Amino acid sequence: MMELRIAYLYPDHLSIYGDRGNILSLYQRCKWRGINAVVLPIGLGETINPDTADLYFMGGGQDTQQIQVCDDLHRHKASALKEAAQQGAVFLTICGGYQLLGHYYKPMNGEELRGLSLMDAYTVAGNTRYIGNVVIERNSRTIVGFENHSGRTYLGEGVSPLGKVIKGNGNNGEDGFEGAAINNLYGTYLHGSLLPKNPELADELIIKALERRYGIITLDAIDDSIEQAAHQRALSLTN
């Protein structure tokens, strides 16, 4: 039996707007296929063995929680997370977690929060808060979610967006793109939660994470009718 080990970073601090649903989706989609999924909650003060987990998840939070997490990342986890990324582990980061994947996040008030610099990106707070349903296009498919952020994220050279904005504001409300994807690193502002309504993306993450230990694999097909209905419902809300 294959096993997928999921590191859930800061579940008590970064898990707003349904972000925990991404963990539930990954776990259940593995279970339906007979894959043993193990969720490892990792909180403040805890260290990481970069060889343990295949997929790392970090959700969103308010600035207060983000400050706590930022300090803890650099005290206890940064070097291990960088090593895990170099070894091919998959990262899914949402909103605040996405911002900390880049070089820094500069709040409207307060000091700059140093990120992990796992991708060439940076974020600065803006005067307007972007709130609402979002649709993006990626590889001729749509991805749906819900954004609620004032941060403006800008991608550097070599970092591809997760998708093109069809509806909503995306990374910064200017360049027409949402999220980021480079190697096995994924970042996005889409809450709601993201994966239950976007099963193809969930399976992409599972495949990449499993291939780290098992080589090229193909997932068994499962019934996604409910997930696709949720996806279509989210699309209808943006019309």
C-alpha atoms as a PDB file:
ATOM      1  CA  MET A   1       0.000   0.000   0.000  1.00  0.00           C
ATOM      2  CA  MET A   2       1.286   3.442  -0.925  1.00  0.00           C
ATOM      3  CA  GLU A   3       1.403   6.076   1.802  1.00  0.00           C
ATOM      4  CA  LEU A   4       1.095   9.850   1.490  1.00  0.00           C
ATOM      5  CA  ARG A   5       2.469  11.841   4.407  1.00  0.00           C
ATOM      6  CA  ILE A   6       0.988  15.333   4.684  1.00  0.00           C
ATOM      7  CA  ALA A   7       2.539  17.970   6.957  1.00  0.00           C
ATOM      8  CA  TYR A   8      -0.168  20.396   8.082  1.00  0.00           C
ATOM      9  CA  LEU A   9       1.714  23.527   9.143  1.00  0.00           C
ATOM     10  CA  TYR A  10       0.181  25.713  11.869  1.00  0.00           C
ATOM     11  CA  PRO A  11      -3.364  24.282  11.921  1.00  0.00           C
ATOM     12  CA  ASP A  12      -4.252  26.467  14.939  1.00  0.00           C
ATOM     13  CA  HIS A  13      -2.953  29.697  13.407  1.00  0.00           C
ATOM     14  CA  LEU A  14      -3.313  29.504   9.614  1.00  0.00           C
ATOM     15  CA  SER A  15      -6.639  27.935   8.741  1.00  0.00           C
ATOM     16  CA  ILE A  16      -9.320  30.472   7.880  1.00  0.00           C
ATOM     17  CA  TYR A  17     -12.103  30.543   5.279  1.00  0.00           C
ATOM     18  CA  GLY A  18     -12.269  26.765   5.001  1.00  0.00           C
ATOM     19  CA  ASP A  19      -8.567  26.102   4.422  1.00  0.00           C
ATOM     20  CA  ARG A  20      -8.694  22.917   6.522  1.00  0.00           C
ATOM     21  CA  GLY A  21     -10.950  21.459   3.834  1.00  0.00           C
ATOM     22  CA  ASN A  22      -7.887  21.070   1.616  1.00  0.00           C
ATOM     23  CA  ILE A  23      -6.402  18.596   4.086  1.00  0.00           C
ATOM     24  CA  LEU A  24      -9.701  16.710   4.269  1.00  0.00           C
ATOM     25  CA  SER A  25      -9.897  16.540   0.486  1.00  0.00           C
ATOM     26  CA  LEU A  26      -6.371  15.160   0.088  1.00  0.00           C
ATOM     27  CA  TYR A  27      -6.951  12.629   2.852  1.00  0.00           C
ATOM     28  CA  GLN A  28     -10.300  11.412   1.506  1.00  0.00           C
ATOM     29  CA  ARG A  29      -9.193  11.192  -2.122  1.00  0.00           C
ATOM     30  CA  CYS A  30      -6.298   9.001  -1.014  1.00  0.00           C
ATOM     31  CA  LYS A  31      -8.561   6.845   1.165  1.00  0.00           C
ATOM     32  CA  TRP A  32     -11.000   6.217  -1.703  1.00  0.00           C
ATOM     33  CA  ARG A  33      -8.090   4.839  -3.719  1.00  0.00           C
ATOM     34  CA  GLY A  34      -6.648   2.635  -0.998  1.00  0.00           C
ATOM     35  CA  ILE A  35      -3.710   4.979  -0.369  1.00  0.00           C
ATOM     36  CA  ASN A  36      -2.800   5.401   3.288  1.00  0.00           C
ATOM     37  CA  ALA A  37      -2.783   9.147   4.051  1.00  0.00           C
ATOM     38  CA  VAL A  38      -1.129  10.318   7.258  1.00  0.00           C
ATOM     39  CA  VAL A  39      -1.713  13.915   8.414  1.00  0.00           C
ATOM     40  CA  LEU A  40       1.023  15.364  10.634  1.00  0.00           C
ATOM     41  CA  PRO A  41      -0.030  18.604  12.407  1.00  0.00           C
ATOM     42  CA  ILE A  42       3.018  20.801  13.044  1.00  0.00           C
ATOM     43  CA  GLY A  43       2.604  23.830  15.287  1.00  0.00           C
ATOM     44  CA  LEU A  44       4.632  26.580  16.917  1.00  0.00           C
ATOM     45  CA  GLY A  45       7.947  25.465  18.404  1.00  0.00           C
ATOM     46  CA  GLU A  46       7.998  22.112  16.607  1.00  0.00           C
ATOM     47  CA  THR A  47      10.829  21.114  14.300  1.00  0.00           C
ATOM     48  CA  ILE A  48      10.640  19.253  10.992  1.00  0.00           C
ATOM     49  CA  ASN A  49      12.493  16.297   9.542  1.00  0.00           C
ATOM     50  CA  PRO A  50      12.681  17.097   5.798  1.00  0.00           C
ATOM     51  CA  ASP A  51      12.581  13.388   4.931  1.00  0.00           C
ATOM     52  CA  THR A  52       9.274  12.707   6.701  1.00  0.00           C
ATOM     53  CA  ALA A  53       6.510  14.421   4.706  1.00  0.00           C
ATOM     54  CA  ASP A  54       5.767  14.323   0.979  1.00  0.00           C
ATOM     55  CA  LEU A  55       3.334  17.258   0.908  1.00  0.00           C
ATOM     56  CA  TYR A  56       3.343  20.428   3.025  1.00  0.00           C
ATOM     57  CA  PHE A  57       0.237  22.560   3.484  1.00  0.00           C
ATOM     58  CA  MET A  58       0.117  26.072   4.966  1.00  0.00           C
ATOM     59  CA  GLY A  59      -3.115  28.077   4.982  1.00  0.00           C
ATOM     60  CA  GLY A  60      -4.072  31.678   5.595  1.00  0.00           C
ATOM     61  CA  GLY A  61      -4.499  33.855   8.670  1.00  0.00           C
ATOM     62  CA  GLN A  62      -4.650  37.407   9.937  1.00  0.00           C
ATOM     63  CA  ASP A  63      -1.548  39.599  10.267  1.00  0.00           C
ATOM     64  CA  THR A  64      -1.269  38.823  14.002  1.00  0.00           C
ATOM     65  CA  GLN A  65      -1.053  35.095  13.374  1.00  0.00           C
ATOM     66  CA  GLN A  66       1.233  35.630  10.397  1.00  0.00           C
ATOM     67  CA  ILE A  67       3.727  37.508  12.577  1.00  0.00           C
ATOM     68  CA  GLN A  68       3.801  34.612  15.053  1.00  0.00           C
ATOM     69  CA  VAL A  69       4.235  32.075  12.289  1.00  0.00           C
ATOM     70  CA  CYS A  70       6.940  34.080  10.513  1.00  0.00           C
ATOM     71  CA  ASP A  71       9.067  34.215  13.646  1.00  0.00           C
ATOM     72  CA  ASP A  72       8.569  30.507  14.292  1.00  0.00           C
ATOM     73  CA  LEU A  73       9.395  29.561  10.697  1.00  0.00           C
ATOM     74  CA  HIS A  74      12.820  31.122  10.907  1.00  0.00           C
ATOM     75  CA  ARG A  75      13.524  29.874  14.418  1.00  0.00           C
ATOM     76  CA  HIS A  76      12.511  26.257  13.969  1.00  0.00           C
ATOM     77  CA  LYS A  77      11.600  25.239  10.412  1.00  0.00           C
ATOM     78  CA  ALA A  78      13.114  27.287   7.576  1.00  0.00           C
ATOM     79  CA  SER A  79      16.182  25.182   6.812  1.00  0.00           C
ATOM     80  CA  ALA A  80      14.224  21.913   6.920  1.00  0.00           C
ATOM     81  CA  LEU A  81      11.479  23.276   4.645  1.00  0.00           C
ATOM     82  CA  LYS A  82      14.074  24.498   2.148  1.00  0.00           C
ATOM     83  CA  GLU A  83      15.711  21.065   2.160  1.00  0.00           C
ATOM     84  CA  ALA A  84      12.336  19.361   1.682  1.00  0.00           C
ATOM     85  CA  ALA A  85      11.585  21.610  -1.297  1.00  0.00           C
ATOM     86  CA  GLN A  86      14.973  20.810  -2.825  1.00  0.00           C
ATOM     87  CA  GLN A  87      14.216  17.106  -2.401  1.00  0.00           C
ATOM     88  CA  GLY A  88      11.000  17.460  -4.408  1.00  0.00           C
ATOM     89  CA  ALA A  89       8.338  17.649  -1.708  1.00  0.00           C
ATOM     90  CA  VAL A  90       5.089  19.322  -2.772  1.00  0.00           C
ATOM     91  CA  PHE A  91       3.975  22.581  -1.136  1.00  0.00           C
ATOM     92  CA  LEU A  92       0.433  23.976  -1.254  1.00  0.00           C
ATOM     93  CA  THR A  93       0.189  27.403   0.355  1.00  0.00           C
ATOM     94  CA  ILE A  94      -2.876  29.618   0.646  1.00  0.00           C
ATOM     95  CA  CYS A  95      -2.997  33.396   1.160  1.00  0.00           C
ATOM     96  CA  GLY A  96      -0.769  34.129   4.179  1.00  0.00           C
ATOM     97  CA  GLY A  97       1.109  30.890   3.611  1.00  0.00           C
ATOM     98  CA  TYR A  98       1.574  31.847  -0.047  1.00  0.00           C
ATOM     99  CA  GLN A  99       2.992  35.227   0.930  1.00  0.00           C
ATOM    100  CA  LEU A 100       5.541  33.610   3.248  1.00  0.00           C
ATOM    101  CA  LEU A 101       6.700  31.301   0.451  1.00  0.00           C
ATOM    102  CA  GLY A 102       8.222  34.347  -1.257  1.00  0.00           C
ATOM    103  CA  HIS A 103      10.875  36.806  -0.126  1.00  0.00           C
ATOM    104  CA  TYR A 104       8.746  39.013   2.136  1.00  0.00           C
ATOM    105  CA  TYR A 105       5.346  40.428   3.028  1.00  0.00           C
ATOM    106  CA  LYS A 106       5.175  44.154   3.890  1.00  0.00           C
ATOM    107  CA  PRO A 107       2.034  44.970   5.947  1.00  0.00           C
ATOM    108  CA  MET A 108       0.398  48.373   5.756  1.00  0.00           C
ATOM    109  CA  ASN A 109       1.645  49.047   9.284  1.00  0.00           C
ATOM    110  CA  GLY A 110       4.502  47.276  10.980  1.00  0.00           C
ATOM    111  CA  GLU A 111       7.733  45.647  10.023  1.00  0.00           C
ATOM    112  CA  GLU A 112       8.377  43.596   6.927  1.00  0.00           C
ATOM    113  CA  LEU A 113       7.857  39.865   7.456  1.00  0.00           C
ATOM    114  CA  ARG A 114      10.684  37.840   5.963  1.00  0.00           C
ATOM    115  CA  GLY A 115       9.551  34.855   3.908  1.00  0.00           C
ATOM    116  CA  LEU A 116      11.225  31.565   3.067  1.00  0.00           C
ATOM    117  CA  SER A 117      12.375  32.715  -0.406  1.00  0.00           C
ATOM    118  CA  LEU A 118      11.378  29.363  -1.897  1.00  0.00           C
ATOM    119  CA  MET A 119      10.108  31.256  -4.928  1.00  0.00           C
ATOM    120  CA  ASP A 120      10.990  34.618  -6.436  1.00  0.00           C
ATOM    121  CA  ALA A 121       8.002  36.665  -5.290  1.00  0.00           C
ATOM    122  CA  TYR A 122       7.155  39.417  -2.833  1.00  0.00           C
ATOM    123  CA  THR A 123       3.979  40.893  -1.340  1.00  0.00           C
ATOM    124  CA  VAL A 124       3.028  44.383  -0.182  1.00  0.00           C
ATOM    125  CA  ALA A 125      -0.233  45.425   1.467  1.00  0.00           C
ATOM    126  CA  GLY A 126      -2.608  47.600  -0.545  1.00  0.00           C
ATOM    127  CA  ASN A 127      -5.360  50.060   0.357  1.00  0.00           C
ATOM    128  CA  THR A 128      -8.149  47.965  -1.152  1.00  0.00           C
ATOM    129  CA  ARG A 129      -9.266  44.553   0.032  1.00  0.00           C
ATOM    130  CA  TYR A 130     -10.082  42.080  -2.710  1.00  0.00           C
ATOM    131  CA  ILE A 131     -13.090  39.981  -1.712  1.00  0.00           C
ATOM    132  CA  GLY A 132     -15.216  37.693  -3.816  1.00  0.00           C
ATOM    133  CA  ASN A 133     -15.489  34.605  -5.973  1.00  0.00           C
ATOM    134  CA  VAL A 134     -12.660  33.931  -8.397  1.00  0.00           C
ATOM    135  CA  VAL A 135     -12.312  31.901 -11.583  1.00  0.00           C
ATOM    136  CA  ILE A 136      -8.967  31.290 -13.224  1.00  0.00           C
ATOM    137  CA  GLU A 137      -7.963  29.324 -16.315  1.00  0.00           C
ATOM    138  CA  ARG A 138      -5.129  26.804 -16.113  1.00  0.00           C
ATOM    139  CA  ASN A 139      -4.217  24.293 -18.798  1.00  0.00           C
ATOM    140  CA  SER A 140      -7.598  24.818 -20.533  1.00  0.00           C
ATOM    141  CA  ARG A 141      -9.457  24.070 -17.276  1.00  0.00           C
ATOM    142  CA  THR A 142     -11.088  26.374 -14.770  1.00  0.00           C
ATOM    143  CA  ILE A 143     -10.168  26.625 -11.101  1.00  0.00           C
ATOM    144  CA  VAL A 144     -12.629  28.254  -8.704  1.00  0.00           C
ATOM    145  CA  GLY A 145     -12.235  29.719  -5.239  1.00  0.00           C
ATOM    146  CA  PHE A 146     -12.826  32.696  -2.982  1.00  0.00           C
ATOM    147  CA  GLU A 147     -10.346  35.517  -2.351  1.00  0.00           C
ATOM    148  CA  ASN A 148     -10.151  37.807   0.685  1.00  0.00           C
ATOM    149  CA  HIS A 149      -6.843  39.674   0.810  1.00  0.00           C
ATOM    150  CA  SER A 150      -5.310  43.131   0.722  1.00  0.00           C
ATOM    151  CA  GLY A 151      -1.828  41.872  -0.157  1.00  0.00           C
ATOM    152  CA  ARG A 152      -0.480  42.394  -3.659  1.00  0.00           C
ATOM    153  CA  THR A 153       1.855  39.634  -4.741  1.00  0.00           C
ATOM    154  CA  TYR A 154       4.313  40.118  -7.589  1.00  0.00           C
ATOM    155  CA  LEU A 155       6.116  37.218  -9.253  1.00  0.00           C
ATOM    156  CA  GLY A 156       9.730  37.328 -10.370  1.00  0.00           C
ATOM    157  CA  GLU A 157      11.459  35.849 -13.381  1.00  0.00           C
ATOM    158  CA  GLY A 158      10.927  32.146 -13.878  1.00  0.00           C
ATOM    159  CA  VAL A 159       7.856  31.903 -11.633  1.00  0.00           C
ATOM    160  CA  SER A 160       4.711  31.006 -13.546  1.00  0.00           C
ATOM    161  CA  PRO A 161       1.268  32.031 -12.288  1.00  0.00           C
ATOM    162  CA  LEU A 162      -1.108  29.277 -11.277  1.00  0.00           C
ATOM    163  CA  GLY A 163      -3.548  30.606 -13.850  1.00  0.00           C
ATOM    164  CA  LYS A 164      -5.045  33.517 -15.753  1.00  0.00           C
ATOM    165  CA  VAL A 165      -7.811  35.465 -14.023  1.00  0.00           C
ATOM    166  CA  ILE A 166     -11.218  35.134 -15.679  1.00  0.00           C
ATOM    167  CA  LYS A 167     -13.162  36.589 -12.756  1.00  0.00           C
ATOM    168  CA  GLY A 168     -11.750  38.330  -9.691  1.00  0.00           C
ATOM    169  CA  ASN A 169      -8.524  40.151  -8.883  1.00  0.00           C
ATOM    170  CA  GLY A 170      -5.860  37.490  -8.374  1.00  0.00           C
ATOM    171  CA  ASN A 171      -2.336  38.252  -7.238  1.00  0.00           C
ATOM    172  CA  ASN A 172      -2.439  42.021  -7.406  1.00  0.00           C
ATOM    173  CA  GLY A 173      -5.420  43.250  -9.440  1.00  0.00           C
ATOM    174  CA  GLU A 174      -3.050  44.504 -12.142  1.00  0.00           C
ATOM    175  CA  ASP A 175      -1.379  41.800 -14.213  1.00  0.00           C
ATOM    176  CA  GLY A 176      -4.358  39.453 -14.675  1.00  0.00           C
ATOM    177  CA  PHE A 177      -2.792  36.426 -13.017  1.00  0.00           C
ATOM    178  CA  GLU A 178      -3.506  34.411  -9.885  1.00  0.00           C
ATOM    179  CA  GLY A 179      -1.218  32.329  -7.717  1.00  0.00           C
ATOM    180  CA  ALA A 180       2.134  30.816  -8.562  1.00  0.00           C
ATOM    181  CA  ALA A 181       3.458  27.410  -9.551  1.00  0.00           C
ATOM    182  CA  ILE A 182       7.116  26.494  -9.900  1.00  0.00           C
ATOM    183  CA  ASN A 183       8.468  22.963  -9.717  1.00  0.00           C
ATOM    184  CA  ASN A 184       6.432  21.365  -6.893  1.00  0.00           C
ATOM    185  CA  LEU A 185       5.603  24.673  -5.157  1.00  0.00           C
ATOM    186  CA  TYR A 186       2.064  26.050  -5.388  1.00  0.00           C
ATOM    187  CA  GLY A 187       0.750  29.298  -3.965  1.00  0.00           C
ATOM    188  CA  THR A 188      -2.673  30.906  -4.316  1.00  0.00           C
ATOM    189  CA  TYR A 189      -5.109  33.311  -2.687  1.00  0.00           C
ATOM    190  CA  LEU A 190      -8.031  30.935  -3.255  1.00  0.00           C
ATOM    191  CA  HIS A 191      -9.870  29.935  -0.099  1.00  0.00           C
ATOM    192  CA  GLY A 192     -13.220  28.336   0.076  1.00  0.00           C
ATOM    193  CA  SER A 193     -11.760  25.651   0.332  1.00  0.00           C
ATOM    194  CA  LEU A 194      -9.800  25.160  -2.876  1.00  0.00           C
ATOM    195  CA  LEU A 195      -9.340  21.421  -3.454  1.00  0.00           C
ATOM    196  CA  PRO A 196     -12.832  19.961  -2.855  1.00  0.00           C
ATOM    197  CA  LYS A 197     -14.177  22.066  -5.750  1.00  0.00           C
ATOM    198  CA  ASN A 198     -11.124  21.466  -7.955  1.00  0.00           C
ATOM    199  CA  PRO A 199     -10.498  17.703  -7.914  1.00  0.00           C
ATOM    200  CA  GLU A 200      -8.082  17.722 -10.876  1.00  0.00           C
ATOM    201  CA  LEU A 201      -5.758  20.044  -8.960  1.00  0.00           C
ATOM    202  CA  ALA A 202      -6.056  17.886  -5.840  1.00  0.00           C
ATOM    203  CA  ASP A 203      -5.040  14.815  -7.838  1.00  0.00           C
ATOM    204  CA  GLU A 204      -2.139  16.686  -9.439  1.00  0.00           C
ATOM    205  CA  LEU A 205      -0.755  17.398  -5.974  1.00  0.00           C
ATOM    206  CA  ILE A 206      -1.272  13.806  -4.821  1.00  0.00           C
ATOM    207  CA  ILE A 207       0.476  12.393  -7.885  1.00  0.00           C
ATOM    208  CA  LYS A 208       3.481  14.694  -7.560  1.00  0.00           C
ATOM    209  CA  ALA A 209       3.803  13.977  -3.841  1.00  0.00           C
ATOM    210  CA  LEU A 210       3.608  10.197  -4.302  1.00  0.00           C
ATOM    211  CA  GLU A 211       6.080  10.213  -7.177  1.00  0.00           C
ATOM    212  CA  ARG A 212       8.721  11.506  -4.794  1.00  0.00           C
ATOM    213  CA  ARG A 213       8.900   8.029  -3.231  1.00  0.00           C
ATOM    214  CA  TYR A 214       7.259   5.685  -5.717  1.00  0.00           C
ATOM    215  CA  GLY A 215       8.222   6.940  -9.179  1.00  0.00           C
ATOM    216  CA  ILE A 216       5.734   7.502 -11.992  1.00  0.00           C
ATOM    217  CA  ILE A 217       2.214   6.540 -10.914  1.00  0.00           C
ATOM    218  CA  THR A 218      -1.345   6.693 -12.216  1.00  0.00           C
ATOM    219  CA  LEU A 219      -4.233   7.287  -9.840  1.00  0.00           C
ATOM    220  CA  ASP A 220      -7.335   5.116 -10.040  1.00  0.00           C
ATOM    221  CA  ALA A 221     -10.396   6.936 -11.350  1.00  0.00           C
ATOM    222  CA  ILE A 222     -13.018   7.844  -8.736  1.00  0.00           C
ATOM    223  CA  ASP A 223     -16.511   9.339  -8.928  1.00  0.00           C
ATOM    224  CA  ASP A 224     -16.118  13.132  -8.912  1.00  0.00           C
ATOM    225  CA  SER A 225     -19.736  13.978  -9.694  1.00  0.00           C
ATOM    226  CA  ILE A 226     -20.303  15.799  -6.401  1.00  0.00           C
ATOM    227  CA  GLU A 227     -17.028  17.692  -6.687  1.00  0.00           C
ATOM    228  CA  GLN A 228     -17.807  18.697 -10.261  1.00  0.00           C
ATOM    229  CA  ALA A 229     -21.280  19.836  -9.233  1.00  0.00           C
ATOM    230  CA  ALA A 230     -19.699  22.039  -6.570  1.00  0.00           C
ATOM    231  CA  HIS A 231     -17.291  23.383  -9.185  1.00  0.00           C
ATOM    232  CA  GLN A 232     -20.120  24.218 -11.566  1.00  0.00           C
ATOM    233  CA  ARG A 233     -22.091  25.855  -8.768  1.00  0.00           C
ATOM    234  CA  ALA A 234     -19.118  28.069  -7.940  1.00  0.00           C
ATOM    235  CA  LEU A 235     -18.812  28.995 -11.614  1.00  0.00           C
ATOM    236  CA  SER A 236     -22.478  29.961 -11.729  1.00  0.00           C
ATOM    237  CA  LEU A 237     -21.998  32.375  -8.827  1.00  0.00           C
ATOM    238  CA  THR A 238     -19.530  34.417 -10.879  1.00  0.00           C
ATOM    239  CA  ASN A 239     -21.821  34.954 -13.879  1.00  0.00           C
END
